């Protein structure tokens, strides 16, 4: 099962996104999201590249790096609902 490390989170932050624990959410416990307030995340890109969470979904889904593949594998293991929504999203 894929684990998400602090190093992974730092690399994702540098791209402007993260995997966030969302306990109790009807959309599942882990979600791939943009930063709601990128100025509060030291190391986030400027200008900020994402308008909506679905922009991050497309970025990660079409990304070719091991980090992108790892994020998708983590979601497949920890929130299949989110993984399915990302896979099915047509932008």
N, C-alpha and C. Protein backbone atom coordinates (compact mmCIF):
# COMPACT_ATOMS: atom_id res chain seq x y z
N UNK A 1 0.85 -1.18 0.00
CA UNK A 1 0.00 0.00 0.00
C UNK A 1 0.90 1.25 0.00
N UNK A 2 0.57 2.19 -0.81
CA UNK A 2 1.36 3.41 -0.96
C UNK A 2 1.18 4.33 0.25
N UNK A 3 2.27 4.85 0.75
CA UNK A 3 2.22 5.83 1.85
C UNK A 3 2.65 7.19 1.32
N UNK A 4 2.12 8.23 1.91
CA UNK A 4 2.41 9.61 1.53
C UNK A 4 3.31 10.19 2.60
N UNK A 5 4.53 10.57 2.24
CA UNK A 5 5.52 11.02 3.22
C UNK A 5 5.56 12.55 3.30
N UNK A 6 6.25 13.03 4.32
CA UNK A 6 6.45 14.48 4.45
C UNK A 6 7.23 15.02 3.25
N UNK A 7 8.17 14.25 2.74
CA UNK A 7 8.92 14.66 1.54
C UNK A 7 8.00 14.76 0.33
N UNK A 8 7.10 13.80 0.19
CA UNK A 8 6.11 13.85 -0.90
C UNK A 8 5.27 15.12 -0.78
N UNK A 9 4.83 15.41 0.44
CA UNK A 9 3.99 16.59 0.67
C UNK A 9 4.73 17.87 0.31
N UNK A 10 6.02 17.93 0.62
CA UNK A 10 6.81 19.12 0.28
C UNK A 10 6.96 19.28 -1.23
N UNK A 11 7.17 18.18 -1.93
CA UNK A 11 7.28 18.24 -3.39
C UNK A 11 5.96 18.68 -4.01
N UNK A 12 4.86 18.15 -3.49
CA UNK A 12 3.54 18.54 -3.99
C UNK A 12 3.28 20.02 -3.72
N UNK A 13 3.66 20.48 -2.52
CA UNK A 13 3.46 21.89 -2.17
C UNK A 13 4.19 22.80 -3.14
N UNK A 14 5.37 22.40 -3.57
CA UNK A 14 6.13 23.21 -4.53
C UNK A 14 5.40 23.33 -5.87
N UNK A 15 4.51 22.36 -6.16
CA UNK A 15 3.69 22.42 -7.38
C UNK A 15 2.36 23.12 -7.13
N UNK A 16 1.99 23.29 -5.84
CA UNK A 16 0.76 24.01 -5.51
C UNK A 16 -0.43 23.16 -5.15
N UNK A 17 -0.21 21.91 -4.74
CA UNK A 17 -1.32 21.03 -4.39
C UNK A 17 -0.92 20.15 -3.22
N UNK A 18 -1.91 19.42 -2.71
CA UNK A 18 -1.64 18.51 -1.62
C UNK A 18 -2.68 17.42 -1.51
N UNK A 19 -2.34 16.39 -0.76
CA UNK A 19 -3.29 15.36 -0.34
C UNK A 19 -3.67 15.71 1.09
N UNK A 20 -4.94 15.93 1.32
CA UNK A 20 -5.40 16.40 2.62
C UNK A 20 -6.34 15.39 3.26
N UNK A 21 -6.13 15.16 4.57
CA UNK A 21 -7.04 14.30 5.32
C UNK A 21 -8.31 15.09 5.61
N UNK A 22 -9.43 14.52 5.24
CA UNK A 22 -10.74 15.20 5.37
C UNK A 22 -11.70 14.27 6.11
N UNK A 23 -11.38 13.96 7.35
CA UNK A 23 -12.19 13.04 8.15
C UNK A 23 -13.63 13.51 8.21
N UNK A 24 -14.54 12.59 7.98
CA UNK A 24 -15.97 12.89 8.06
C UNK A 24 -16.57 13.45 6.78
N UNK A 25 -15.76 13.71 5.77
CA UNK A 25 -16.29 14.25 4.52
C UNK A 25 -17.04 13.18 3.75
N UNK A 26 -18.14 13.57 3.15
CA UNK A 26 -18.89 12.62 2.32
C UNK A 26 -18.12 12.24 1.06
N UNK A 27 -17.06 13.01 0.74
CA UNK A 27 -16.23 12.72 -0.43
C UNK A 27 -15.03 11.85 -0.09
N UNK A 28 -14.98 11.34 1.13
CA UNK A 28 -13.92 10.41 1.52
C UNK A 28 -12.86 11.04 2.40
N UNK A 29 -12.02 10.17 3.00
CA UNK A 29 -11.09 10.62 4.03
C UNK A 29 -9.84 11.35 3.52
N UNK A 30 -9.41 11.11 2.31
CA UNK A 30 -8.24 11.78 1.73
C UNK A 30 -8.64 12.38 0.40
N UNK A 31 -8.23 13.63 0.18
CA UNK A 31 -8.63 14.32 -1.05
C UNK A 31 -7.45 15.08 -1.64
N UNK A 32 -7.41 15.10 -2.96
CA UNK A 32 -6.42 15.85 -3.73
C UNK A 32 -7.00 17.23 -3.98
N UNK A 33 -6.33 18.26 -3.46
CA UNK A 33 -6.90 19.61 -3.52
C UNK A 33 -5.83 20.65 -3.79
N UNK A 34 -6.30 21.80 -4.26
CA UNK A 34 -5.47 23.00 -4.35
C UNK A 34 -5.41 23.62 -2.96
N UNK A 35 -4.56 24.62 -2.81
CA UNK A 35 -4.52 25.37 -1.55
C UNK A 35 -5.60 26.44 -1.60
N UNK A 36 -6.44 26.50 -0.57
CA UNK A 36 -7.47 27.54 -0.52
C UNK A 36 -6.84 28.92 -0.37
N UNK A 37 -5.72 28.99 0.35
CA UNK A 37 -5.01 30.25 0.56
C UNK A 37 -3.52 30.01 0.32
N UNK A 38 -3.08 30.03 -0.95
CA UNK A 38 -1.69 29.68 -1.26
C UNK A 38 -0.66 30.56 -0.57
N UNK A 39 -1.00 31.79 -0.23
CA UNK A 39 -0.05 32.67 0.45
C UNK A 39 0.31 32.15 1.84
N UNK A 40 -0.50 31.27 2.39
CA UNK A 40 -0.25 30.71 3.72
C UNK A 40 0.65 29.47 3.67
N UNK A 41 1.05 29.06 2.46
CA UNK A 41 1.86 27.85 2.29
C UNK A 41 3.24 28.25 1.77
N UNK A 42 4.19 28.39 2.68
CA UNK A 42 5.56 28.74 2.32
C UNK A 42 6.09 27.71 1.32
N UNK A 43 6.53 28.19 0.19
CA UNK A 43 7.06 27.32 -0.85
C UNK A 43 6.07 27.03 -1.97
N UNK A 44 4.82 27.48 -1.82
CA UNK A 44 3.84 27.31 -2.90
C UNK A 44 4.23 28.22 -4.07
N UNK A 45 3.92 27.81 -5.29
CA UNK A 45 4.33 28.61 -6.45
C UNK A 45 3.60 29.95 -6.53
N UNK A 46 4.29 30.91 -7.09
CA UNK A 46 3.71 32.23 -7.33
C UNK A 46 4.16 32.66 -8.71
N UNK A 47 3.24 32.98 -9.62
CA UNK A 47 1.79 33.04 -9.39
C UNK A 47 1.23 31.64 -9.20
N UNK A 48 0.12 31.58 -8.47
CA UNK A 48 -0.49 30.30 -8.14
C UNK A 48 -1.20 29.73 -9.37
N UNK A 49 -0.92 28.47 -9.74
CA UNK A 49 -1.39 27.96 -11.03
C UNK A 49 -2.80 27.36 -11.08
N UNK A 50 -3.47 27.20 -9.92
CA UNK A 50 -4.75 26.48 -9.92
C UNK A 50 -5.90 27.36 -9.45
N UNK A 51 -7.03 27.26 -10.14
CA UNK A 51 -8.24 27.99 -9.77
C UNK A 51 -9.17 27.11 -8.95
N UNK A 52 -9.25 25.83 -9.31
CA UNK A 52 -10.18 24.90 -8.66
C UNK A 52 -9.49 23.56 -8.41
N UNK A 53 -10.07 22.77 -7.52
CA UNK A 53 -9.51 21.45 -7.24
C UNK A 53 -9.42 20.59 -8.49
N UNK A 54 -10.38 20.72 -9.39
CA UNK A 54 -10.33 19.90 -10.61
C UNK A 54 -9.12 20.25 -11.47
N UNK A 55 -8.61 21.46 -11.37
CA UNK A 55 -7.38 21.82 -12.08
C UNK A 55 -6.21 20.98 -11.55
N UNK A 56 -6.19 20.76 -10.24
CA UNK A 56 -5.16 19.92 -9.63
C UNK A 56 -5.36 18.47 -10.07
N UNK A 57 -6.62 18.03 -10.12
CA UNK A 57 -6.90 16.66 -10.57
C UNK A 57 -6.28 16.42 -11.94
N UNK A 58 -6.51 17.34 -12.86
CA UNK A 58 -6.00 17.20 -14.23
C UNK A 58 -4.47 17.23 -14.21
N UNK A 59 -3.90 18.14 -13.45
CA UNK A 59 -2.44 18.27 -13.35
C UNK A 59 -1.81 16.96 -12.89
N UNK A 60 -2.35 16.38 -11.84
CA UNK A 60 -1.78 15.15 -11.29
C UNK A 60 -2.10 13.95 -12.18
N UNK A 61 -3.31 13.87 -12.68
CA UNK A 61 -3.70 12.74 -13.52
C UNK A 61 -2.87 12.68 -14.80
N UNK A 62 -2.55 13.82 -15.37
CA UNK A 62 -1.78 13.86 -16.62
C UNK A 62 -0.28 14.00 -16.39
N UNK A 63 0.11 14.18 -15.14
CA UNK A 63 1.53 14.32 -14.81
C UNK A 63 2.29 13.03 -15.05
N UNK A 64 3.54 13.16 -15.36
CA UNK A 64 4.35 11.99 -15.71
C UNK A 64 5.39 11.64 -14.65
N UNK A 65 5.39 12.35 -13.53
CA UNK A 65 6.44 12.12 -12.54
C UNK A 65 6.06 11.01 -11.57
N UNK A 66 7.06 10.43 -10.91
CA UNK A 66 6.76 9.44 -9.87
C UNK A 66 5.86 10.01 -8.76
N UNK A 67 6.00 11.29 -8.45
CA UNK A 67 5.16 11.91 -7.42
C UNK A 67 3.69 11.86 -7.82
N UNK A 68 3.40 12.18 -9.06
CA UNK A 68 2.01 12.14 -9.53
C UNK A 68 1.45 10.72 -9.48
N UNK A 69 2.24 9.76 -9.93
CA UNK A 69 1.80 8.36 -9.89
C UNK A 69 1.60 7.90 -8.45
N UNK A 70 2.48 8.34 -7.55
CA UNK A 70 2.36 7.95 -6.14
C UNK A 70 1.10 8.54 -5.51
N UNK A 71 0.79 9.79 -5.84
CA UNK A 71 -0.43 10.42 -5.30
C UNK A 71 -1.66 9.65 -5.75
N UNK A 72 -1.70 9.26 -7.01
CA UNK A 72 -2.85 8.51 -7.51
C UNK A 72 -2.93 7.12 -6.88
N UNK A 73 -1.80 6.48 -6.68
CA UNK A 73 -1.78 5.17 -6.02
C UNK A 73 -2.25 5.29 -4.57
N UNK A 74 -1.82 6.35 -3.89
CA UNK A 74 -2.25 6.58 -2.51
C UNK A 74 -3.77 6.74 -2.46
N UNK A 75 -4.31 7.53 -3.36
CA UNK A 75 -5.76 7.73 -3.38
C UNK A 75 -6.50 6.44 -3.73
N UNK A 76 -5.96 5.66 -4.65
CA UNK A 76 -6.60 4.39 -4.99
C UNK A 76 -6.70 3.49 -3.77
N UNK A 77 -5.69 3.54 -2.91
CA UNK A 77 -5.68 2.70 -1.70
C UNK A 77 -6.49 3.29 -0.56
N UNK A 78 -6.48 4.63 -0.42
CA UNK A 78 -7.06 5.27 0.77
C UNK A 78 -8.38 5.99 0.53
N UNK A 79 -8.70 6.27 -0.72
CA UNK A 79 -10.00 6.89 -1.04
C UNK A 79 -10.35 6.56 -2.49
N UNK A 80 -10.81 5.33 -2.73
CA UNK A 80 -11.17 4.93 -4.09
C UNK A 80 -12.23 5.83 -4.73
N UNK A 81 -13.09 6.42 -3.91
CA UNK A 81 -14.11 7.34 -4.44
C UNK A 81 -13.45 8.55 -5.09
N UNK A 82 -12.48 9.15 -4.42
CA UNK A 82 -11.76 10.31 -4.97
C UNK A 82 -10.96 9.89 -6.20
N UNK A 83 -10.29 8.76 -6.11
CA UNK A 83 -9.52 8.27 -7.24
C UNK A 83 -10.41 8.07 -8.46
N UNK A 84 -11.58 7.49 -8.26
CA UNK A 84 -12.52 7.28 -9.35
C UNK A 84 -13.01 8.58 -9.96
N UNK A 85 -13.30 9.57 -9.11
CA UNK A 85 -13.75 10.87 -9.61
C UNK A 85 -12.67 11.54 -10.44
N UNK A 86 -11.43 11.45 -10.00
CA UNK A 86 -10.31 12.04 -10.74
C UNK A 86 -10.13 11.33 -12.08
N UNK A 87 -10.21 10.01 -12.05
CA UNK A 87 -10.04 9.24 -13.29
C UNK A 87 -11.14 9.52 -14.29
N UNK A 88 -12.34 9.76 -13.80
CA UNK A 88 -13.50 9.98 -14.69
C UNK A 88 -13.66 11.43 -15.14
N UNK A 89 -12.95 12.36 -14.49
CA UNK A 89 -13.13 13.78 -14.79
C UNK A 89 -12.70 14.08 -16.22
N UNK A 90 -13.55 14.78 -16.96
CA UNK A 90 -13.23 15.23 -18.32
C UNK A 90 -13.18 16.74 -18.33
N UNK A 91 -11.99 17.27 -18.49
CA UNK A 91 -11.83 18.73 -18.49
C UNK A 91 -11.82 19.26 -19.90
